[in-house]
PDB file of N, CA and C in Angstrom:
ATOM      1  N   MET A   1       7.683  61.588  19.179  1.00  0.00           N
ATOM      2  CA  MET A   1       9.078  61.407  19.558  1.00  0.00           C
ATOM      3  C   MET A   1       9.645  60.183  18.842  1.00  0.00           C
ATOM      4  N   ALA A   2      10.765  60.353  18.181  1.00  0.00           N
ATOM      5  CA  ALA A   2      11.381  59.273  17.417  1.00  0.00           C
ATOM      6  C   ALA A   2      12.052  58.270  18.348  1.00  0.00           C
ATOM      7  N   THR A   3      11.878  57.006  18.031  1.00  0.00           N
ATOM      8  CA  THR A   3      12.582  55.963  18.771  1.00  0.00           C
ATOM      9  C   THR A   3      14.018  55.912  18.285  1.00  0.00           C
ATOM     10  N   ASN A   4      14.868  55.206  19.011  1.00  0.00           N
ATOM     11  CA  ASN A   4      16.248  55.118  18.555  1.00  0.00           C
ATOM     12  C   ASN A   4      16.347  54.326  17.259  1.00  0.00           C
ATOM     13  N   GLY A   5      15.413  53.401  17.026  1.00  0.00           N
ATOM     14  CA  GLY A   5      15.406  52.690  15.749  1.00  0.00           C
ATOM     15  C   GLY A   5      15.199  53.638  14.589  1.00  0.00           C
ATOM     16  N   VAL A   6      14.311  54.606  14.767  1.00  0.00           N
ATOM     17  CA  VAL A   6      14.066  55.608  13.731  1.00  0.00           C
ATOM     18  C   VAL A   6      15.301  56.489  13.581  1.00  0.00           C
ATOM     19  N   ARG A   7      15.910  56.894  14.683  1.00  0.00           N
ATOM     20  CA  ARG A   7      17.127  57.711  14.616  1.00  0.00           C
ATOM     21  C   ARG A   7      18.244  56.981  13.863  1.00  0.00           C
ATOM     22  N   ALA A   8      18.354  55.686  14.087  1.00  0.00           N
ATOM     23  CA  ALA A   8      19.381  54.908  13.392  1.00  0.00           C
ATOM     24  C   ALA A   8      19.119  54.903  11.889  1.00  0.00           C
ATOM     25  N   LEU A   9      17.884  54.688  11.495  1.00  0.00           N
ATOM     26  CA  LEU A   9      17.556  54.689  10.067  1.00  0.00           C
ATOM     27  C   LEU A   9      17.757  56.066   9.451  1.00  0.00           C
ATOM     28  N   GLU A  10      17.374  57.107  10.175  1.00  0.00           N
ATOM     29  CA  GLU A  10      17.584  58.469   9.678  1.00  0.00           C
ATOM     30  C   GLU A  10      19.072  58.765   9.514  1.00  0.00           C
ATOM     31  N   ALA A  11      19.879  58.320  10.468  1.00  0.00           N
ATOM     32  CA  ALA A  11      21.325  58.561  10.387  1.00  0.00           C
ATOM     33  C   ALA A  11      21.915  57.873   9.160  1.00  0.00           C
ATOM     34  N   LEU A  12      21.452  56.670   8.869  1.00  0.00           N
ATOM     35  CA  LEU A  12      21.997  55.911   7.744  1.00  0.00           C
ATOM     36  C   LEU A  12      21.437  56.358   6.394  1.00  0.00           C
ATOM     37  N   ALA A  13      20.417  57.203   6.411  1.00  0.00           N
ATOM     38  CA  ALA A  13      19.836  57.686   5.155  1.00  0.00           C
ATOM     39  C   ALA A  13      20.775  58.642   4.420  1.00  0.00           C
ATOM     40  N   GLU A  14      21.700  59.263   5.135  1.00  0.00           N
ATOM     41  CA  GLU A  14      22.636  60.210   4.528  1.00  0.00           C
ATOM     42  C   GLU A  14      23.808  59.413   3.927  1.00  0.00           C
ATOM     43  N   PRO A  15      24.084  59.573   2.639  1.00  0.00           N
ATOM     44  CA  PRO A  15      25.084  58.723   1.970  1.00  0.00           C
ATOM     45  C   PRO A  15      26.487  58.737   2.582  1.00  0.00           C
ATOM     46  N   THR A  16      26.988  59.884   3.007  1.00  0.00           N
ATOM     47  CA  THR A  16      28.336  59.916   3.587  1.00  0.00           C
ATOM     48  C   THR A  16      28.361  59.188   4.917  1.00  0.00           C
ATOM     49  N   ARG A  17      27.326  59.390   5.746  1.00  0.00           N
ATOM     50  CA  ARG A  17      27.266  58.665   7.026  1.00  0.00           C
ATOM     51  C   ARG A  17      27.181  57.169   6.786  1.00  0.00           C
ATOM     52  N   ARG A  18      26.388  56.776   5.784  1.00  0.00           N
ATOM     53  CA  ARG A  18      26.268  55.351   5.484  1.00  0.00           C
ATOM     54  C   ARG A  18      27.607  54.791   5.026  1.00  0.00           C
ATOM     55  N   ALA A  19      28.367  55.533   4.232  1.00  0.00           N
ATOM     56  CA  ALA A  19      29.689  55.082   3.778  1.00  0.00           C
ATOM     57  C   ALA A  19      30.640  54.920   4.966  1.00  0.00           C
ATOM     58  N   ILE A  20      30.590  55.854   5.899  1.00  0.00           N
ATOM     59  CA  ILE A  20      31.417  55.749   7.108  1.00  0.00           C
ATOM     60  C   ILE A  20      31.023  54.502   7.893  1.00  0.00           C
ATOM     61  N   PHE A  21      29.734  54.318   8.088  1.00  0.00           N
ATOM     62  CA  PHE A  21      29.215  53.159   8.814  1.00  0.00           C
ATOM     63  C   PHE A  21      29.647  51.860   8.128  1.00  0.00           C
ATOM     64  N   GLU A  22      29.537  51.831   6.806  1.00  0.00           N
ATOM     65  CA  GLU A  22      29.866  50.616   6.055  1.00  0.00           C
ATOM     66  C   GLU A  22      31.367  50.317   6.048  1.00  0.00           C
ATOM     67  N   ALA A  23      32.195  51.295   6.375  1.00  0.00           N
ATOM     68  CA  ALA A  23      33.637  51.074   6.434  1.00  0.00           C
ATOM     69  C   ALA A  23      34.066  50.427   7.752  1.00  0.00           C
ATOM     70  N   LEU A  24      33.207  50.458   8.745  1.00  0.00           N
ATOM     71  CA  LEU A  24      33.616  50.006  10.078  1.00  0.00           C
ATOM     72  C   LEU A  24      33.519  48.506  10.350  1.00  0.00           C
ATOM     73  N   PRO A  25      32.698  47.731   9.670  1.00  0.00           N
ATOM     74  CA  PRO A  25      32.702  46.290   9.984  1.00  0.00           C
ATOM     75  C   PRO A  25      34.027  45.611   9.663  1.00  0.00           C
ATOM     76  N   HIS A  26      34.796  46.192   8.761  1.00  0.00           N
ATOM     77  CA  HIS A  26      36.048  45.581   8.324  1.00  0.00           C
ATOM     78  C   HIS A  26      37.158  45.724   9.357  1.00  0.00           C
ATOM     79  N   ALA A  27      37.167  46.857  10.053  1.00  0.00           N
ATOM     80  CA  ALA A  27      38.197  47.105  11.060  1.00  0.00           C
ATOM     81  C   ALA A  27      37.869  48.389  11.808  1.00  0.00           C
ATOM     82  N   PRO A  28      38.286  48.474  13.086  1.00  0.00           N
ATOM     83  CA  PRO A  28      38.158  49.759  13.789  1.00  0.00           C
ATOM     84  C   PRO A  28      39.000  50.800  13.052  1.00  0.00           C
ATOM     85  N   ARG A  29      38.496  52.041  13.014  1.00  0.00           N
ATOM     86  CA  ARG A  29      39.195  53.070  12.244  1.00  0.00           C
ATOM     87  C   ARG A  29      39.179  54.412  12.969  1.00  0.00           C
ATOM     88  N   SER A  30      40.216  55.193  12.719  1.00  0.00           N
ATOM     89  CA  SER A  30      40.301  56.549  13.258  1.00  0.00           C
ATOM     90  C   SER A  30      39.570  57.506  12.315  1.00  0.00           C
ATOM     91  N   VAL A  31      39.380  58.729  12.791  1.00  0.00           N
ATOM     92  CA  VAL A  31      38.743  59.756  11.963  1.00  0.00           C
ATOM     93  C   VAL A  31      39.539  59.962  10.678  1.00  0.00           C
ATOM     94  N   GLY A  32      40.860  60.048  10.797  1.00  0.00           N
ATOM     95  CA  GLY A  32      41.705  60.253   9.617  1.00  0.00           C
ATOM     96  C   GLY A  32      41.573  59.131   8.601  1.00  0.00           C
ATOM     97  N   GLU A  33      41.550  57.896   9.088  1.00  0.00           N
ATOM     98  CA  GLU A  33      41.395  56.753   8.187  1.00  0.00           C
ATOM     99  C   GLU A  33      40.035  56.797   7.489  1.00  0.00           C
ATOM    100  N   LEU A  34      39.001  57.118   8.251  1.00  0.00           N
ATOM    101  CA  LEU A  34      37.663  57.209   7.664  1.00  0.00           C
ATOM    102  C   LEU A  34      37.589  58.330   6.637  1.00  0.00           C
ATOM    103  N   ALA A  35      38.211  59.468   6.946  1.00  0.00           N
ATOM    104  CA  ALA A  35      38.211  60.597   6.009  1.00  0.00           C
ATOM    105  C   ALA A  35      38.866  60.200   4.693  1.00  0.00           C
ATOM    106  N   GLU A  36      39.971  59.485   4.783  1.00  0.00           N
ATOM    107  CA  GLU A  36      40.668  59.043   3.576  1.00  0.00           C
ATOM    108  C   GLU A  36      39.823  58.047   2.786  1.00  0.00           C
ATOM    109  N   LEU A  37      39.200  57.111   3.475  1.00  0.00           N
ATOM    110  CA  LEU A  37      38.375  56.104   2.809  1.00  0.00           C
ATOM    111  C   LEU A  37      37.158  56.710   2.121  1.00  0.00           C
ATOM    112  N   VAL A  38      36.511  57.648   2.801  1.00  0.00           N
ATOM    113  CA  VAL A  38      35.252  58.204   2.308  1.00  0.00           C
ATOM    114  C   VAL A  38      35.480  59.396   1.383  1.00  0.00           C
ATOM    115  N   GLY A  39      36.619  60.043   1.513  1.00  0.00           N
ATOM    116  CA  GLY A  39      36.931  61.154   0.632  1.00  0.00           C
ATOM    117  C   GLY A  39      36.349  62.489   1.056  1.00  0.00           C
ATOM    118  N   VAL A  40      36.216  62.689   2.373  1.00  0.00           N
ATOM    119  CA  VAL A  40      35.779  63.983   2.903  1.00  0.00           C
ATOM    120  C   VAL A  40      36.767  64.408   3.983  1.00  0.00           C
ATOM    121  N   SER A  41      36.633  65.631   4.471  1.00  0.00           N
ATOM    122  CA  SER A  41      37.567  66.135   5.477  1.00  0.00           C
ATOM    123  C   SER A  41      37.371  65.431   6.824  1.00  0.00           C
ATOM    124  N   SER A  42      38.413  65.467   7.632  1.00  0.00           N
ATOM    125  CA  SER A  42      38.322  64.903   8.985  1.00  0.00           C
ATOM    126  C   SER A  42      37.242  65.600   9.795  1.00  0.00           C
ATOM    127  N   SER A  43      37.104  66.899   9.591  1.00  0.00           N
ATOM    128  CA  SER A  43      36.074  67.664  10.289  1.00  0.00           C
ATOM    129  C   SER A  43      34.676  67.163   9.917  1.00  0.00           C
ATOM    130  N   ALA A  44      34.460  66.911   8.628  1.00  0.00           N
ATOM    131  CA  ALA A  44      33.161  66.392   8.176  1.00  0.00           C
ATOM    132  C   ALA A  44      32.903  65.006   8.763  1.00  0.00           C
ATOM    133  N   VAL A  45      33.926  64.159   8.766  1.00  0.00           N
ATOM    134  CA  VAL A  45      33.781  62.819   9.335  1.00  0.00           C
ATOM    135  C   VAL A  45      33.412  62.922  10.818  1.00  0.00           C
ATOM    136  N   SER A  46      34.055  63.812  11.532  1.00  0.00           N
ATOM    137  CA  SER A  46      33.760  63.986  12.953  1.00  0.00           C
ATOM    138  C   SER A  46      32.301  64.365  13.171  1.00  0.00           C
ATOM    139  N   GLN A  47      31.780  65.245  12.326  1.00  0.00           N
ATOM    140  CA  GLN A  47      30.372  65.641  12.451  1.00  0.00           C
ATOM    141  C   GLN A  47      29.444  64.457  12.156  1.00  0.00           C
ATOM    142  N   HIS A  48      29.767  63.675  11.156  1.00  0.00           N
ATOM    143  CA  HIS A  48      28.956  62.500  10.830  1.00  0.00           C
ATOM    144  C   HIS A  48      29.035  61.461  11.955  1.00  0.00           C
ATOM    145  N   LEU A  49      30.222  61.278  12.515  1.00  0.00           N
ATOM    146  CA  LEU A  49      30.383  60.326  13.615  1.00  0.00           C
ATOM    147  C   LEU A  49      29.569  60.756  14.837  1.00  0.00           C
ATOM    148  N   LYS A  50      29.441  62.046  15.047  1.00  0.00           N
ATOM    149  CA  LYS A  50      28.632  62.548  16.155  1.00  0.00           C
ATOM    150  C   LYS A  50      27.176  62.094  15.998  1.00  0.00           C
ATOM    151  N   VAL A  51      26.649  62.180  14.787  1.00  0.00           N
ATOM    152  CA  VAL A  51      25.280  61.734  14.518  1.00  0.00           C
ATOM    153  C   VAL A  51      25.177  60.216  14.677  1.00  0.00           C
ATOM    154  N   LEU A  52      26.158  59.496  14.153  1.00  0.00           N
ATOM    155  CA  LEU A  52      26.147  58.029  14.267  1.00  0.00           C
ATOM    156  C   LEU A  52      26.248  57.583  15.725  1.00  0.00           C
ATOM    157  N   ARG A  53      27.021  58.298  16.517  1.00  0.00           N
ATOM    158  CA  ARG A  53      27.113  57.963  17.951  1.00  0.00           C
ATOM    159  C   ARG A  53      25.791  58.234  18.656  1.00  0.00           C
ATOM    160  N   ALA A  54      25.146  59.344  18.326  1.00  0.00           N
ATOM    161  CA  ALA A  54      23.854  59.675  18.950  1.00  0.00           C
ATOM    162  C   ALA A  54      22.804  58.614  18.627  1.00  0.00           C
ATOM    163  N   ALA A  55      22.914  58.002  17.465  1.00  0.00           N
ATOM    164  CA  ALA A  55      21.985  56.936  17.069  1.00  0.00           C
ATOM    165  C   ALA A  55      22.453  55.562  17.548  1.00  0.00           C
ATOM    166  N   ARG A  56      23.536  55.536  18.320  1.00  0.00           N
ATOM    167  CA  ARG A  56      24.121  54.300  18.865  1.00  0.00           C
ATOM    168  C   ARG A  56      24.549  53.328  17.765  1.00  0.00           C
ATOM    169  N   LEU A  57      25.025  53.871  16.652  1.00  0.00           N
ATOM    170  CA  LEU A  57      25.501  53.031  15.562  1.00  0.00           C
ATOM    171  C   LEU A  57      27.011  52.831  15.590  1.00  0.00           C
ATOM    172  N   VAL A  58      27.730  53.740  16.244  1.00  0.00           N
ATOM    173  CA  VAL A  58      29.179  53.583  16.401  1.00  0.00           C
ATOM    174  C   VAL A  58      29.566  53.887  17.845  1.00  0.00           C
ATOM    175  N   MET A  59      30.689  53.304  18.250  1.00  0.00           N
ATOM    176  CA  MET A  59      31.277  53.564  19.572  1.00  0.00           C
ATOM    177  C   MET A  59      32.695  54.058  19.344  1.00  0.00           C
ATOM    178  N   VAL A  60      33.210  54.749  20.342  1.00  0.00           N
ATOM    179  CA  VAL A  60      34.576  55.260  20.250  1.00  0.00           C
ATOM    180  C   VAL A  60      35.350  54.807  21.480  1.00  0.00           C
ATOM    181  N   ARG A  61      36.635  54.522  21.260  1.00  0.00           N
ATOM    182  CA  ARG A  61      37.510  54.199  22.389  1.00  0.00           C
ATOM    183  C   ARG A  61      38.858  54.844  22.145  1.00  0.00           C
ATOM    184  N   PRO A  62      39.472  55.323  23.201  1.00  0.00           N
ATOM    185  CA  PRO A  62      40.804  55.893  23.035  1.00  0.00           C
ATOM    186  C   PRO A  62      41.819  54.785  22.794  1.00  0.00           C
ATOM    187  N   GLU A  63      42.748  55.069  21.904  1.00  0.00           N
ATOM    188  CA  GLU A  63      43.835  54.123  21.611  1.00  0.00           C
ATOM    189  C   GLU A  63      45.098  54.956  21.448  1.00  0.00           C
ATOM    190  N   GLY A  64      45.824  55.113  22.535  1.00  0.00           N
ATOM    191  CA  GLY A  64      46.979  56.020  22.518  1.00  0.00           C
ATOM    192  C   GLY A  64      46.484  57.450  22.378  1.00  0.00           C
ATOM    193  N   THR A  65      46.969  58.138  21.365  1.00  0.00           N
ATOM    194  CA  THR A  65      46.560  59.525  21.131  1.00  0.00           C
ATOM    195  C   THR A  65      45.385  59.623  20.154  1.00  0.00           C
ATOM    196  N   ARG A  66      44.936  58.488  19.646  1.00  0.00           N
ATOM    197  CA  ARG A  66      43.837  58.475  18.671  1.00  0.00           C
ATOM    198  C   ARG A  66      42.539  58.034  19.326  1.00  0.00           C
ATOM    199  N   ARG A  67      41.467  58.355  18.663  1.00  0.00           N
ATOM    200  CA  ARG A  67      40.151  57.838  19.029  1.00  0.00           C
ATOM    201  C   ARG A  67      39.739  56.901  17.895  1.00  0.00           C
ATOM    202  N   VAL A  68      39.417  55.678  18.244  1.00  0.00           N
ATOM    203  CA  VAL A  68      39.116  54.657  17.247  1.00  0.00           C
ATOM    204  C   VAL A  68      37.633  54.317  17.327  1.00  0.00           C
ATOM    205  N   TYR A  69      37.011  54.241  16.162  1.00  0.00           N
ATOM    206  CA  TYR A  69      35.571  53.988  16.066  1.00  0.00           C
ATOM    207  C   TYR A  69      35.303  52.569  15.590  1.00  0.00           C
ATOM    208  N   THR A  70      34.284  51.963  16.188  1.00  0.00           N
ATOM    209  CA  THR A  70      33.810  50.633  15.807  1.00  0.00           C
ATOM    210  C   THR A  70      32.286  50.676  15.756  1.00  0.00           C
ATOM    211  N   LEU A  71      31.696  49.634  15.190  1.00  0.00           N
ATOM    212  CA  LEU A  71      30.241  49.549  15.158  1.00  0.00           C
ATOM    213  C   LEU A  71      29.705  49.281  16.552  1.00  0.00           C
ATOM    214  N   ASP A  72      28.545  49.828  16.832  1.00  0.00           N
ATOM    215  CA  ASP A  72      27.843  49.599  18.093  1.00  0.00           C
ATOM    216  C   ASP A  72      26.608  48.765  17.772  1.00  0.00           C
ATOM    217  N   PRO A  73      26.554  47.524  18.219  1.00  0.00           N
ATOM    218  CA  PRO A  73      25.424  46.654  17.863  1.00  0.00           C
ATOM    219  C   PRO A  73      24.079  47.132  18.415  1.00  0.00           C
ATOM    220  N   ARG A  74      24.091  47.999  19.410  1.00  0.00           N
ATOM    221  CA  ARG A  74      22.820  48.459  19.991  1.00  0.00           C
ATOM    222  C   ARG A  74      21.960  49.197  18.973  1.00  0.00           C
ATOM    223  N   GLY A  75      22.567  50.055  18.171  1.00  0.00           N
ATOM    224  CA  GLY A  75      21.802  50.829  17.192  1.00  0.00           C
ATOM    225  C   GLY A  75      21.208  49.953  16.109  1.00  0.00           C
ATOM    226  N   LEU A  76      21.969  48.949  15.676  1.00  0.00           N
ATOM    227  CA  LEU A  76      21.429  48.015  14.686  1.00  0.00           C
ATOM    228  C   LEU A  76      20.282  47.215  15.271  1.00  0.00           C
ATOM    229  N   GLY A  77      20.407  46.834  16.528  1.00  0.00           N
ATOM    230  CA  GLY A  77      19.312  46.134  17.201  1.00  0.00           C
ATOM    231  C   GLY A  77      18.073  47.004  17.297  1.00  0.00           C
ATOM    232  N   ASP A  78      18.273  48.276  17.602  1.00  0.00           N
ATOM    233  CA  ASP A  78      17.144  49.213  17.672  1.00  0.00           C
ATOM    234  C   ASP A  78      16.445  49.330  16.321  1.00  0.00           C
ATOM    235  N   ALA A  79      17.232  49.443  15.239  1.00  0.00           N
ATOM    236  CA  ALA A  79      16.660  49.549  13.893  1.00  0.00           C
ATOM    237  C   ALA A  79      15.917  48.268  13.535  1.00  0.00           C
ATOM    238  N   ARG A  80      16.511  47.125  13.846  1.00  0.00           N
ATOM    239  CA  ARG A  80      15.859  45.847  13.569  1.00  0.00           C
ATOM    240  C   ARG A  80      14.548  45.732  14.333  1.00  0.00           C
ATOM    241  N   ASP A  81      14.567  46.086  15.609  1.00  0.00           N
ATOM    242  CA  ASP A  81      13.342  46.029  16.412  1.00  0.00           C
ATOM    243  C   ASP A  81      12.258  46.925  15.832  1.00  0.00           C
ATOM    244  N   TYR A  82      12.645  48.114  15.385  1.00  0.00           N
ATOM    245  CA  TYR A  82      11.675  49.030  14.793  1.00  0.00           C
ATOM    246  C   TYR A  82      11.059  48.421  13.531  1.00  0.00           C
ATOM    247  N   LEU A  83      11.902  47.872  12.646  1.00  0.00           N
ATOM    248  CA  LEU A  83      11.402  47.314  11.386  1.00  0.00           C
ATOM    249  C   LEU A  83      10.591  46.039  11.588  1.00  0.00           C
ATOM    250  N   GLU A  84      10.935  45.253  12.606  1.00  0.00           N
ATOM    251  CA  GLU A  84      10.229  43.990  12.832  1.00  0.00           C
ATOM    252  C   GLU A  84       8.757  44.184  13.171  1.00  0.00           C
ATOM    253  N   GLN A  85       8.394  45.335  13.673  1.00  0.00           N
ATOM    254  CA  GLN A  85       6.989  45.557  13.996  1.00  0.00           C
ATOM    255  C   GLN A  85       6.105  45.553  12.738  1.00  0.00           C
ATOM    256  N   PHE A  86       6.725  45.756  11.561  1.00  0.00           N
ATOM    257  CA  PHE A  86       5.967  45.808  10.320  1.00  0.00           C
ATOM    258  C   PHE A  86       5.870  44.453   9.616  1.00  0.00           C
ATOM    259  N   TRP A  87       6.658  43.470  10.051  1.00  0.00           N
ATOM    260  CA  TRP A  87       6.665  42.172   9.379  1.00  0.00           C
ATOM    261  C   TRP A  87       5.325  41.461   9.395  1.00  0.00           C
ATOM    262  N   PRO A  88       4.587  41.400  10.497  1.00  0.00           N
ATOM    263  CA  PRO A  88       3.313  40.666  10.460  1.00  0.00           C
ATOM    264  C   PRO A  88       2.351  41.189   9.387  1.00  0.00           C
ATOM    265  N   SER A  89       2.221  42.507   9.286  1.00  0.00           N
ATOM    266  CA  SER A  89       1.298  43.034   8.274  1.00  0.00           C
ATOM    267  C   SER A  89       1.862  42.853   6.865  1.00  0.00           C
ATOM    268  N   ALA A  90       3.195  42.968   6.715  1.00  0.00           N
ATOM    269  CA  ALA A  90       3.802  42.764   5.398  1.00  0.00           C
ATOM    270  C   ALA A  90       3.634  41.310   4.955  1.00  0.00           C
ATOM    271  N   LEU A  91       3.831  40.369   5.855  1.00  0.00           N
ATOM    272  CA  LEU A  91       3.661  38.958   5.511  1.00  0.00           C
ATOM    273  C   LEU A  91       2.203  38.628   5.221  1.00  0.00           C
ATOM    274  N   ALA A  92       1.283  39.228   5.966  1.00  0.00           N
ATOM    275  CA  ALA A  92      -0.146  39.012   5.721  1.00  0.00           C
ATOM    276  C   ALA A  92      -0.530  39.553   4.345  1.00  0.00           C
ATOM    277  N   ALA A  93      -0.017  40.713   3.983  1.00  0.00           N
ATOM    278  CA  ALA A  93      -0.302  41.286   2.664  1.00  0.00           C
ATOM    279  C   ALA A  93       0.278  40.405   1.557  1.00  0.00           C
ATOM    280  N   TYR A  94       1.464  39.866   1.781  1.00  0.00           N
ATOM    281  CA  TYR A  94       2.087  38.974   0.804  1.00  0.00           C
ATOM    282  C   TYR A  94       1.255  37.707   0.636  1.00  0.00           C
ATOM    283  N   ALA A  95       0.807  37.119   1.741  1.00  0.00           N
ATOM    284  CA  ALA A  95      -0.016  35.914   1.681  1.00  0.00           C
ATOM    285  C   ALA A  95      -1.333  36.194   0.952  1.00  0.00           C
ATOM    286  N   ALA A  96      -1.932  37.351   1.212  1.00  0.00           N
ATOM    287  CA  ALA A  96      -3.180  37.717   0.541  1.00  0.00           C
ATOM    288  C   ALA A  96      -2.955  37.885  -0.961  1.00  0.00           C
ATOM    289  N   ALA A  97      -1.844  38.511  -1.346  1.00  0.00           N
ATOM    290  CA  ALA A  97      -1.540  38.697  -2.768  1.00  0.00           C
ATOM    291  C   ALA A  97      -1.304  37.355  -3.449  1.00  0.00           C
ATOM    292  N   LEU A  98      -0.632  36.432  -2.769  1.00  0.00           N
ATOM    293  CA  LEU A  98      -0.413  35.085  -3.315  1.00  0.00           C
ATOM    294  C   LEU A  98      -1.726  34.366  -3.508  1.00  0.00           C
ATOM    295  N   SER A  99      -2.591  34.431  -2.516  1.00  0.00           N
ATOM    296  CA  SER A  99      -3.896  33.777  -2.605  1.00  0.00           C
ATOM    297  C   SER A  99      -4.699  34.354  -3.751  1.00  0.00           C
ATOM    298  N   GLU A 100      -4.667  35.667  -3.895  1.00  0.00           N
ATOM    299  CA  GLU A 100      -5.400  36.323  -4.973  1.00  0.00           C
ATOM    300  C   GLU A 100      -4.860  35.916  -6.338  1.00  0.00           C
ATOM    301  N   ALA A 101      -3.531  35.841  -6.462  1.00  0.00           N
ATOM    302  CA  ALA A 101      -2.913  35.446  -7.724  1.00  0.00           C
ATOM    303  C   ALA A 101      -3.268  33.998  -8.076  1.00  0.00           C
ATOM    304  N   ARG A 102      -3.297  33.125  -7.093  1.00  0.00           N
ATOM    305  CA  ARG A 102      -3.662  31.724  -7.331  1.00  0.00           C
ATOM    306  C   ARG A 102      -5.119  31.594  -7.740  1.00  0.00           C
ATOM    307  N   ALA A 103      -5.975  32.403  -7.133  1.00  0.00           N
ATOM    308  CA  ALA A 103      -7.402  32.359  -7.436  1.00  0.00           C
ATOM    309  C   ALA A 103      -7.670  32.822  -8.857  1.00  0.00           C
ATOM    310  N   GLU A 104      -6.837  33.712  -9.376  1.00  0.00           N
ATOM    311  CA  GLU A 104      -7.031  34.234 -10.736  1.00  0.00           C
ATOM    312  C   GLU A 104      -6.592  33.221 -11.794  1.00  0.00           C
ATOM    313  N   HIS A 105      -5.768  32.263 -11.428  1.00  0.00           N
ATOM    314  CA  HIS A 105      -5.261  31.279 -12.400  1.00  0.00           C
ATOM    315  C   HIS A 105      -5.916  29.980 -12.254  1.00  0.00           C
TER     316      HIS A 105
END
């Protein structure tokens, strides 16, 4: 079973979803605004936003007759937590490679 950190990374692996996600730190945006920025249909943006919401990467709030999307920090936290589990072994491997390189010189 995939953790939400994995779901967040999988959601961002798709280039159009990543472009939508990357457009949101600058300002909250509607589906229409995102469609114009990314260059796909509003329907396609809505489908991508559904995946991003499921991964807790974006949130939606009503604003008059529009629905406005913003980043959801929970999904980024989940992705960070997932990746952080690999840092101890990655740092240990880096230290071992440094030691080996020094020993050769």
